[in-house]
Amino acid sequence: MLERLQKIIARTGIASRRHAEQLMLSGQVVVNGQVITELGSKADPERDRIEVAGKLVRFPESKIYLMLDKPPQVVSTMADPEGRRSLRNFLTGIPGRVFPVGRLDYSASGLVLLTSDGDLANRILKAAARLPQTYWIKVRGRLSGDQIRRLEQELRGRVHPLKSPHAAGPHAANPWYEVTLSEARRDLLRKSLTMLGHPVEKLKRVKLASLELAGLPEGRYRHLEAGEVAALKRALARSSPASLIGGKAKKAPSESALRRGGRARRNVGRNARTSAHS
């Protein structure tokens, strides 16, 4: 499948997409013996011989990492026994088998992660209750300041009016809000808003851990870059139980604290020796 060269290079981890463009402009990218300097040029990573800075680009048994902007009224699975639209309807041209990680409500839209990396998928599912997620929601009516504070307490998250060029004005009857919470509290979101008298009309996930939907069009997908996968793995490491103390990230001791600890240990040893000789 033809892809933009800078995207192929970025996916291998050789360089970021921007650096890959600089390599192309400086004449350091060669495809099938031809120097490529035009940005936007495409190649087939499975068929073409691609060299960067004099080195052949080798593609290991590459794992696939995709981000899809799921439209509403689509099931978050690859097939549906009831015949409803599924994620498979939007994944044409994928060279391997992928599966969705986690779930997104049938009526919701937004970011869905798909991959062929079973180990990473298991790590995400195990950490899902602690991973932050951000949603844009449209509710019926306007939330008061007291209701927003109550919602934040119930969800243990953050809620604020959405300031976006795509959102309705600040005084709209049915405004949008941005909500950040963990998956463990996600199921409470609709229930809490309904009990407050402001049921959810639309819901869109725009961020999952370190991944951001940004400008991806609805119904389209893209491959994650190597840096995005690495950032996701770091986010998973920070959210692991071993790195948490009392629900907060464990901080490494500062250099000054280490120096104080070293002085304290030396003083204890000096006092012990003095007592032994007295």
C-alpha atoms as a PDB file:
ATOM      1  CA  MET A   1       0.000   0.000   0.000  1.00  0.00           C
ATOM      2  CA  LEU A   2       1.372   3.395  -0.998  1.00  0.00           C
ATOM      3  CA  GLU A   3       2.139   5.773   1.861  1.00  0.00           C
ATOM      4  CA  ARG A   4       3.880   9.113   2.151  1.00  0.00           C
ATOM      5  CA  LEU A   5       7.610   8.604   2.523  1.00  0.00           C
ATOM      6  CA  GLN A   6       7.966  10.794   5.601  1.00  0.00           C
ATOM      7  CA  LYS A   7       5.221   8.770   7.273  1.00  0.00           C
ATOM      8  CA  ILE A   8       6.975   5.475   6.458  1.00  0.00           C
ATOM      9  CA  ILE A   9      10.291   6.760   7.793  1.00  0.00           C
ATOM     10  CA  ALA A  10       8.680   8.069  10.992  1.00  0.00           C
ATOM     11  CA  ARG A  11       6.964   4.737  11.594  1.00  0.00           C
ATOM     12  CA  THR A  12      10.283   2.881  11.557  1.00  0.00           C
ATOM     13  CA  GLY A  13      11.584   5.102  14.356  1.00  0.00           C
ATOM     14  CA  ILE A  14      14.508   6.400  12.274  1.00  0.00           C
ATOM     15  CA  ALA A  15      13.316   9.985  12.565  1.00  0.00           C
ATOM     16  CA  SER A  16      10.286  12.061  13.375  1.00  0.00           C
ATOM     17  CA  ARG A  17       8.036  13.009  10.480  1.00  0.00           C
ATOM     18  CA  ARG A  18       9.448  16.546  10.444  1.00  0.00           C
ATOM     19  CA  HIS A  19      13.036  15.265  10.503  1.00  0.00           C
ATOM     20  CA  ALA A  20      12.143  12.809   7.741  1.00  0.00           C
ATOM     21  CA  GLU A  21      11.006  15.749   5.612  1.00  0.00           C
ATOM     22  CA  GLN A  22      14.354  17.463   6.209  1.00  0.00           C
ATOM     23  CA  LEU A  23      16.162  14.270   5.170  1.00  0.00           C
ATOM     24  CA  MET A  24      14.120  14.193   1.960  1.00  0.00           C
ATOM     25  CA  LEU A  25      14.795  17.855   1.163  1.00  0.00           C
ATOM     26  CA  SER A  26      18.537  17.326   1.684  1.00  0.00           C
ATOM     27  CA  GLY A  27      18.594  14.425  -0.790  1.00  0.00           C
ATOM     28  CA  GLN A  28      19.214  11.659   1.750  1.00  0.00           C
ATOM     29  CA  VAL A  29      16.181   9.522   0.866  1.00  0.00           C
ATOM     30  CA  VAL A  30      16.496   7.070  -2.036  1.00  0.00           C
ATOM     31  CA  VAL A  31      13.699   4.843  -3.353  1.00  0.00           C
ATOM     32  CA  ASN A  32      14.607   2.097  -5.823  1.00  0.00           C
ATOM     33  CA  GLY A  33      17.856   3.913  -6.668  1.00  0.00           C
ATOM     34  CA  GLN A  34      16.201   7.304  -7.241  1.00  0.00           C
ATOM     35  CA  VAL A  35      16.797  10.267  -4.936  1.00  0.00           C
ATOM     36  CA  ILE A  36      13.455  11.626  -3.684  1.00  0.00           C
ATOM     37  CA  THR A  37      13.319  15.269  -2.615  1.00  0.00           C
ATOM     38  CA  GLU A  38       9.675  16.108  -3.240  1.00  0.00           C
ATOM     39  CA  LEU A  39       7.591  16.150  -0.050  1.00  0.00           C
ATOM     40  CA  GLY A  40       4.430  14.106  -0.374  1.00  0.00           C
ATOM     41  CA  SER A  41       6.092  11.450  -2.539  1.00  0.00           C
ATOM     42  CA  LYS A  42       4.794   7.973  -1.852  1.00  0.00           C
ATOM     43  CA  ALA A  43       6.256   4.473  -1.703  1.00  0.00           C
ATOM     44  CA  ASP A  44       5.168   0.957  -0.861  1.00  0.00           C
ATOM     45  CA  PRO A  45       7.112  -0.213   2.222  1.00  0.00           C
ATOM     46  CA  GLU A  46       6.463  -3.854   1.300  1.00  0.00           C
ATOM     47  CA  ARG A  47       7.740  -3.636  -2.291  1.00  0.00           C
ATOM     48  CA  ASP A  48      10.085  -0.673  -2.624  1.00  0.00           C
ATOM     49  CA  ARG A  49      13.739  -0.478  -1.587  1.00  0.00           C
ATOM     50  CA  ILE A  50      14.010   2.587   0.656  1.00  0.00           C
ATOM     51  CA  GLU A  51      17.327   4.016   1.841  1.00  0.00           C
ATOM     52  CA  VAL A  52      17.764   6.831   4.347  1.00  0.00           C
ATOM     53  CA  ALA A  53      21.142   8.511   4.883  1.00  0.00           C
ATOM     54  CA  GLY A  54      22.841   5.656   3.043  1.00  0.00           C
ATOM     55  CA  LYS A  55      21.231   2.889   5.093  1.00  0.00           C
ATOM     56  CA  LEU A  56      18.608   0.453   3.914  1.00  0.00           C
ATOM     57  CA  VAL A  57      15.339   0.824   5.786  1.00  0.00           C
ATOM     58  CA  ARG A  58      14.410  -2.558   7.192  1.00  0.00           C
ATOM     59  CA  PHE A  59      10.934  -3.261   8.420  1.00  0.00           C
ATOM     60  CA  PRO A  60      10.869  -5.829  11.204  1.00  0.00           C
ATOM     61  CA  GLU A  61       7.802  -7.943  11.705  1.00  0.00           C
ATOM     62  CA  SER A  62       6.025  -4.704  12.253  1.00  0.00           C
ATOM     63  CA  LYS A  63       3.238  -4.431  14.741  1.00  0.00           C
ATOM     64  CA  ILE A  64       0.320  -2.291  13.692  1.00  0.00           C
ATOM     65  CA  TYR A  65      -0.929   0.608  15.810  1.00  0.00           C
ATOM     66  CA  LEU A  66      -3.927   2.556  14.544  1.00  0.00           C
ATOM     67  CA  MET A  67      -6.053   5.421  15.778  1.00  0.00           C
ATOM     68  CA  LEU A  68      -9.604   5.608  14.427  1.00  0.00           C
ATOM     69  CA  ASP A  69     -12.159   8.377  14.845  1.00  0.00           C
ATOM     70  CA  LYS A  70     -15.212   6.175  15.339  1.00  0.00           C
ATOM     71  CA  PRO A  71     -18.486   7.685  14.140  1.00  0.00           C
ATOM     72  CA  PRO A  72     -21.583   7.366  16.361  1.00  0.00           C
ATOM     73  CA  GLN A  73     -23.920   4.415  15.822  1.00  0.00           C
ATOM     74  CA  VAL A  74     -20.988   2.043  15.214  1.00  0.00           C
ATOM     75  CA  VAL A  75     -20.129  -0.934  17.449  1.00  0.00           C
ATOM     76  CA  SER A  76     -16.585  -0.985  18.874  1.00  0.00           C
ATOM     77  CA  THR A  77     -15.898  -4.486  17.557  1.00  0.00           C
ATOM     78  CA  MET A  78     -14.715  -5.909  14.243  1.00  0.00           C
ATOM     79  CA  ALA A  79     -18.069  -7.584  13.552  1.00  0.00           C
ATOM     80  CA  ASP A  80     -21.626  -7.477  14.848  1.00  0.00           C
ATOM     81  CA  PRO A  81     -24.092 -10.401  14.878  1.00  0.00           C
ATOM     82  CA  GLU A  82     -26.962  -7.913  14.529  1.00  0.00           C
ATOM     83  CA  GLY A  83     -25.546  -6.547  11.301  1.00  0.00           C
ATOM     84  CA  ARG A  84     -24.796  -3.053  12.598  1.00  0.00           C
ATOM     85  CA  ARG A  85     -21.826  -1.123  11.270  1.00  0.00           C
ATOM     86  CA  SER A  86     -18.564  -2.158  12.933  1.00  0.00           C
ATOM     87  CA  LEU A  87     -14.997  -0.877  12.998  1.00  0.00           C
ATOM     88  CA  ARG A  88     -14.130  -3.167  10.081  1.00  0.00           C
ATOM     89  CA  ASN A  89     -16.195  -0.929   7.796  1.00  0.00           C
ATOM     90  CA  PHE A  90     -13.604   1.839   8.249  1.00  0.00           C
ATOM     91  CA  LEU A  91     -10.355  -0.160   8.051  1.00  0.00           C
ATOM     92  CA  THR A  92      -9.786  -0.800   4.359  1.00  0.00           C
ATOM     93  CA  GLY A  93      -6.183  -1.299   3.253  1.00  0.00           C
ATOM     94  CA  ILE A  94      -4.789  -2.624   6.552  1.00  0.00           C
ATOM     95  CA  PRO A  95      -2.016  -5.156   5.728  1.00  0.00           C
ATOM     96  CA  GLY A  96      -2.624  -7.301   8.817  1.00  0.00           C
ATOM     97  CA  ARG A  97      -5.113  -8.268  11.483  1.00  0.00           C
ATOM     98  CA  VAL A  98      -5.867  -5.729  14.198  1.00  0.00           C
ATOM     99  CA  PHE A  99      -8.304  -5.642  17.096  1.00  0.00           C
ATOM    100  CA  PRO A 100      -9.723  -2.789  19.184  1.00  0.00           C
ATOM    101  CA  VAL A 101      -8.366  -2.110  22.665  1.00  0.00           C
ATOM    102  CA  GLY A 102     -11.122  -1.327  25.134  1.00  0.00           C
ATOM    103  CA  ARG A 103     -14.551  -0.091  24.161  1.00  0.00           C
ATOM    104  CA  LEU A 104     -16.499   2.998  23.241  1.00  0.00           C
ATOM    105  CA  ASP A 105     -20.281   3.188  23.526  1.00  0.00           C
ATOM    106  CA  TYR A 106     -22.337   2.501  20.398  1.00  0.00           C
ATOM    107  CA  SER A 107     -23.793   6.015  20.454  1.00  0.00           C
ATOM    108  CA  ALA A 108     -20.452   7.698  21.231  1.00  0.00           C
ATOM    109  CA  SER A 109     -17.817   8.827  18.761  1.00  0.00           C
ATOM    110  CA  GLY A 110     -14.108   9.496  18.892  1.00  0.00           C
ATOM    111  CA  LEU A 111     -10.771   7.873  19.548  1.00  0.00           C
ATOM    112  CA  VAL A 112     -10.470   4.098  19.321  1.00  0.00           C
ATOM    113  CA  LEU A 113      -7.078   2.385  19.475  1.00  0.00           C
ATOM    114  CA  LEU A 114      -6.545  -0.728  17.349  1.00  0.00           C
ATOM    115  CA  THR A 115      -3.412  -2.863  17.255  1.00  0.00           C
ATOM    116  CA  SER A 116      -1.891  -6.230  16.466  1.00  0.00           C
ATOM    117  CA  ASP A 117       0.329  -5.954  19.568  1.00  0.00           C
ATOM    118  CA  GLY A 118      -1.275  -8.308  22.075  1.00  0.00           C
ATOM    119  CA  ASP A 119       1.186  -7.494  24.872  1.00  0.00           C
ATOM    120  CA  LEU A 120       0.508  -3.770  24.688  1.00  0.00           C
ATOM    121  CA  ALA A 121      -3.243  -4.370  24.476  1.00  0.00           C
ATOM    122  CA  ASN A 122      -3.136  -6.456  27.678  1.00  0.00           C
ATOM    123  CA  ARG A 123      -1.127  -3.772  29.468  1.00  0.00           C
ATOM    124  CA  ILE A 124      -3.670  -1.130  28.478  1.00  0.00           C
ATOM    125  CA  LEU A 125      -6.623  -3.253  29.587  1.00  0.00           C
ATOM    126  CA  LYS A 126      -4.988  -3.932  32.959  1.00  0.00           C
ATOM    127  CA  ALA A 127      -4.267  -0.231  33.481  1.00  0.00           C
ATOM    128  CA  ALA A 128      -7.564   1.014  31.984  1.00  0.00           C
ATOM    129  CA  ALA A 129      -9.103   1.890  35.345  1.00  0.00           C
ATOM    130  CA  ARG A 130      -6.231   4.316  36.008  1.00  0.00           C
ATOM    131  CA  LEU A 131      -5.627   5.772  32.551  1.00  0.00           C
ATOM    132  CA  PRO A 132      -6.990   9.301  32.057  1.00  0.00           C
ATOM    133  CA  GLN A 133      -9.425   9.847  29.210  1.00  0.00           C
ATOM    134  CA  THR A 134     -10.845  13.109  27.902  1.00  0.00           C
ATOM    135  CA  TYR A 135     -14.320  13.497  26.403  1.00  0.00           C
ATOM    136  CA  TRP A 136     -16.257  16.280  24.785  1.00  0.00           C
ATOM    137  CA  ILE A 137     -19.874  16.051  25.837  1.00  0.00           C
ATOM    138  CA  LYS A 138     -22.988  17.948  24.871  1.00  0.00           C
ATOM    139  CA  VAL A 139     -25.687  17.972  27.544  1.00  0.00           C
ATOM    140  CA  ARG A 140     -29.270  19.143  27.695  1.00  0.00           C
ATOM    141  CA  GLY A 141     -29.347  22.487  29.425  1.00  0.00           C
ATOM    142  CA  ARG A 142     -26.537  24.340  31.177  1.00  0.00           C
ATOM    143  CA  LEU A 143     -24.659  23.096  34.223  1.00  0.00           C
ATOM    144  CA  SER A 144     -24.384  25.505  37.143  1.00  0.00           C
ATOM    145  CA  GLY A 145     -21.126  26.032  38.984  1.00  0.00           C
ATOM    146  CA  ASP A 146     -22.392  23.929  41.914  1.00  0.00           C
ATOM    147  CA  GLN A 147     -23.374  21.108  39.549  1.00  0.00           C
ATOM    148  CA  ILE A 148     -19.953  21.148  37.902  1.00  0.00           C
ATOM    149  CA  ARG A 149     -18.230  20.912  41.290  1.00  0.00           C
ATOM    150  CA  ARG A 150     -20.551  18.078  42.370  1.00  0.00           C
ATOM    151  CA  LEU A 151     -19.881  16.242  39.111  1.00  0.00           C
ATOM    152  CA  GLU A 152     -16.115  16.609  39.556  1.00  0.00           C
ATOM    153  CA  GLN A 153     -16.375  15.128  43.059  1.00  0.00           C
ATOM    154  CA  GLU A 154     -18.443  12.167  41.876  1.00  0.00           C
ATOM    155  CA  LEU A 155     -16.238  11.463  38.876  1.00  0.00           C
ATOM    156  CA  ARG A 156     -12.970  12.388  40.602  1.00  0.00           C
ATOM    157  CA  GLY A 157     -12.139  14.260  37.434  1.00  0.00           C
ATOM    158  CA  ARG A 158     -12.169  17.681  35.788  1.00  0.00           C
ATOM    159  CA  VAL A 159     -15.141  19.334  34.073  1.00  0.00           C
ATOM    160  CA  HIS A 160     -15.195  22.707  32.365  1.00  0.00           C
ATOM    161  CA  PRO A 161     -17.079  24.429  29.528  1.00  0.00           C
ATOM    162  CA  LEU A 162     -15.512  23.632  26.191  1.00  0.00           C
ATOM    163  CA  LYS A 163     -13.744  26.468  24.452  1.00  0.00           C
ATOM    164  CA  SER A 164     -13.551  25.249  20.889  1.00  0.00           C
ATOM    165  CA  PRO A 165     -14.257  26.808  17.514  1.00  0.00           C
ATOM    166  CA  HIS A 166     -16.526  23.829  16.824  1.00  0.00           C
ATOM    167  CA  ALA A 167     -18.538  24.278  20.020  1.00  0.00           C
ATOM    168  CA  ALA A 168     -21.622  26.430  20.383  1.00  0.00           C
ATOM    169  CA  GLY A 169     -21.252  29.910  21.878  1.00  0.00           C
ATOM    170  CA  PRO A 170     -20.690  30.431  25.617  1.00  0.00           C
ATOM    171  CA  HIS A 171     -24.373  31.115  26.190  1.00  0.00           C
ATOM    172  CA  ALA A 172     -25.797  28.267  24.104  1.00  0.00           C
ATOM    173  CA  ALA A 173     -28.827  26.476  25.552  1.00  0.00           C
ATOM    174  CA  ASN A 174     -27.145  23.075  25.194  1.00  0.00           C
ATOM    175  CA  PRO A 175     -23.403  23.716  25.515  1.00  0.00           C
ATOM    176  CA  TRP A 176     -20.432  21.372  25.244  1.00  0.00           C
ATOM    177  CA  TYR A 177     -18.112  20.470  28.127  1.00  0.00           C
ATOM    178  CA  GLU A 178     -14.722  18.827  28.354  1.00  0.00           C
ATOM    179  CA  VAL A 179     -14.499  16.037  30.924  1.00  0.00           C
ATOM    180  CA  THR A 180     -11.300  14.256  31.995  1.00  0.00           C
ATOM    181  CA  LEU A 181     -11.647  11.127  34.112  1.00  0.00           C
ATOM    182  CA  SER A 182     -10.491   7.524  34.358  1.00  0.00           C
ATOM    183  CA  GLU A 183     -12.271   4.596  32.731  1.00  0.00           C
ATOM    184  CA  ALA A 184     -13.254   3.360  36.193  1.00  0.00           C
ATOM    185  CA  ARG A 185     -15.538   6.403  36.460  1.00  0.00           C
ATOM    186  CA  ARG A 186     -16.657   6.622  32.844  1.00  0.00           C
ATOM    187  CA  ASP A 187     -19.832   4.614  33.353  1.00  0.00           C
ATOM    188  CA  LEU A 188     -20.895   7.113  36.051  1.00  0.00           C
ATOM    189  CA  LEU A 189     -20.751  10.017  33.623  1.00  0.00           C
ATOM    190  CA  ARG A 190     -24.090   9.537  31.876  1.00  0.00           C
ATOM    191  CA  LYS A 191     -25.796   8.388  35.076  1.00  0.00           C
ATOM    192  CA  SER A 192     -24.600  11.384  37.112  1.00  0.00           C
ATOM    193  CA  LEU A 193     -25.603  13.894  34.453  1.00  0.00           C
ATOM    194  CA  THR A 194     -29.039  12.292  34.077  1.00  0.00           C
ATOM    195  CA  MET A 195     -29.573  12.523  37.849  1.00  0.00           C
ATOM    196  CA  LEU A 196     -28.603  16.213  37.692  1.00  0.00           C
ATOM    197  CA  GLY A 197     -31.286  16.745  35.039  1.00  0.00           C
ATOM    198  CA  HIS A 198     -28.789  17.251  32.190  1.00  0.00           C
ATOM    199  CA  PRO A 199     -28.693  14.024  30.155  1.00  0.00           C
ATOM    200  CA  VAL A 200     -25.879  13.553  27.643  1.00  0.00           C
ATOM    201  CA  GLU A 201     -26.896  14.240  24.050  1.00  0.00           C
ATOM    202  CA  LYS A 202     -23.524  13.666  22.384  1.00  0.00           C
ATOM    203  CA  LEU A 203     -20.227  12.207  23.599  1.00  0.00           C
ATOM    204  CA  LYS A 204     -16.859  12.136  21.842  1.00  0.00           C
ATOM    205  CA  ARG A 205     -13.564  10.778  23.190  1.00  0.00           C
ATOM    206  CA  VAL A 206     -10.706  13.044  22.143  1.00  0.00           C
ATOM    207  CA  LYS A 207      -7.833  11.733  24.273  1.00  0.00           C
ATOM    208  CA  LEU A 208      -6.739   8.381  25.707  1.00  0.00           C
ATOM    209  CA  ALA A 209      -3.697   8.495  27.997  1.00  0.00           C
ATOM    210  CA  SER A 210      -1.063  10.244  25.818  1.00  0.00           C
ATOM    211  CA  LEU A 211      -2.924   9.755  22.514  1.00  0.00           C
ATOM    212  CA  GLU A 212      -4.844  12.709  21.079  1.00  0.00           C
ATOM    213  CA  LEU A 213      -7.404  12.600  18.296  1.00  0.00           C
ATOM    214  CA  ALA A 214      -6.471  16.103  17.099  1.00  0.00           C
ATOM    215  CA  GLY A 215      -7.642  16.765  13.523  1.00  0.00           C
ATOM    216  CA  LEU A 216      -8.367  13.201  12.402  1.00  0.00           C
ATOM    217  CA  PRO A 217     -11.607  13.257  10.360  1.00  0.00           C
ATOM    218  CA  GLU A 218     -14.550  11.184  11.556  1.00  0.00           C
ATOM    219  CA  GLY A 219     -14.543   7.692  10.067  1.00  0.00           C
ATOM    220  CA  ARG A 220     -10.845   7.836   9.134  1.00  0.00           C
ATOM    221  CA  TYR A 221      -7.832   6.145  10.678  1.00  0.00           C
ATOM    222  CA  ARG A 222      -4.083   6.731  10.748  1.00  0.00           C
ATOM    223  CA  HIS A 223      -1.012   4.804  11.856  1.00  0.00           C
ATOM    224  CA  LEU A 224       0.582   5.875  15.123  1.00  0.00           C
ATOM    225  CA  GLU A 225       4.122   7.131  14.854  1.00  0.00           C
ATOM    226  CA  ALA A 226       6.908   5.451  16.812  1.00  0.00           C
ATOM    227  CA  GLY A 227       7.086   8.381  19.220  1.00  0.00           C
ATOM    228  CA  GLU A 228       3.371   8.102  19.988  1.00  0.00           C
ATOM    229  CA  VAL A 229       3.700   4.392  20.785  1.00  0.00           C
ATOM    230  CA  ALA A 230       6.705   5.095  23.020  1.00  0.00           C
ATOM    231  CA  ALA A 231       4.801   7.869  24.846  1.00  0.00           C
ATOM    232  CA  LEU A 232       1.856   5.518  25.379  1.00  0.00           C
ATOM    233  CA  LYS A 233       4.154   2.897  26.889  1.00  0.00           C
ATOM    234  CA  ARG A 234       5.632   5.515  29.237  1.00  0.00           C
ATOM    235  CA  ALA A 235       2.119   6.533  30.299  1.00  0.00           C
ATOM    236  CA  LEU A 236       1.347   2.894  31.052  1.00  0.00           C
ATOM    237  CA  ALA A 237       4.511   2.569  33.126  1.00  0.00           C
ATOM    238  CA  ARG A 238       3.552   5.652  35.170  1.00  0.00           C
ATOM    239  CA  SER A 239       0.078   4.249  35.836  1.00  0.00           C
ATOM    240  CA  SER A 240       1.226   0.802  36.975  1.00  0.00           C
ATOM    241  CA  PRO A 241       0.437  -0.101  40.619  1.00  0.00           C
ATOM    242  CA  ALA A 242       4.146  -0.469  41.391  1.00  0.00           C
ATOM    243  CA  SER A 243       4.747   3.177  40.487  1.00  0.00           C
ATOM    244  CA  LEU A 244       1.876   4.484  42.623  1.00  0.00           C
ATOM    245  CA  ILE A 245       1.716   5.233  46.353  1.00  0.00           C
ATOM    246  CA  GLY A 246      -1.702   6.027  47.764  1.00  0.00           C
ATOM    247  CA  GLY A 247      -3.057   6.550  44.230  1.00  0.00           C
ATOM    248  CA  LYS A 248      -0.368   9.131  43.395  1.00  0.00           C
ATOM    249  CA  ALA A 249       2.655   8.723  41.206  1.00  0.00           C
ATOM    250  CA  LYS A 250       5.757   7.821  43.155  1.00  0.00           C
ATOM    251  CA  LYS A 251       8.388  10.543  42.829  1.00  0.00           C
ATOM    252  CA  ALA A 252      12.096   9.850  42.707  1.00  0.00           C
ATOM    253  CA  PRO A 253      14.015  11.421  45.606  1.00  0.00           C
ATOM    254  CA  SER A 254      15.708  14.723  44.786  1.00  0.00           C
ATOM    255  CA  GLU A 255      19.487  15.113  44.835  1.00  0.00           C
ATOM    256  CA  SER A 256      19.280  17.282  47.952  1.00  0.00           C
ATOM    257  CA  ALA A 257      17.243  14.595  49.716  1.00  0.00           C
ATOM    258  CA  LEU A 258      19.806  11.968  48.752  1.00  0.00           C
ATOM    259  CA  ARG A 259      22.612  14.174  50.091  1.00  0.00           C
ATOM    260  CA  ARG A 260      20.726  14.720  53.364  1.00  0.00           C
ATOM    261  CA  GLY A 261      20.178  10.977  53.655  1.00  0.00           C
ATOM    262  CA  GLY A 262      23.856  10.310  53.033  1.00  0.00           C
ATOM    263  CA  ARG A 263      24.913  12.826  55.709  1.00  0.00           C
ATOM    264  CA  ALA A 264      22.453  11.295  58.167  1.00  0.00           C
ATOM    265  CA  ARG A 265      23.841   7.812  57.572  1.00  0.00           C
ATOM    266  CA  ARG A 266      27.428   9.045  58.016  1.00  0.00           C
ATOM    267  CA  ASN A 267      26.464  10.804  61.277  1.00  0.00           C
ATOM    268  CA  VAL A 268      24.831   7.620  62.595  1.00  0.00           C
ATOM    269  CA  GLY A 269      27.980   5.629  61.777  1.00  0.00           C
ATOM    270  CA  ARG A 270      30.231   8.276  63.391  1.00  0.00           C
ATOM    271  CA  ASN A 271      28.115   8.300  66.572  1.00  0.00           C
ATOM    272  CA  ALA A 272      28.171   4.515  66.732  1.00  0.00           C
ATOM    273  CA  ARG A 273      31.974   4.449  66.506  1.00  0.00           C
ATOM    274  CA  THR A 274      32.280   7.128  69.203  1.00  0.00           C
ATOM    275  CA  SER A 275      30.016   5.128  71.537  1.00  0.00           C
ATOM    276  CA  ALA A 276      32.046   1.975  70.928  1.00  0.00           C
ATOM    277  CA  HIS A 277      35.301   3.688  71.983  1.00  0.00           C
ATOM    278  CA  SER A 278      33.849   5.466  75.061  1.00  0.00           C
END
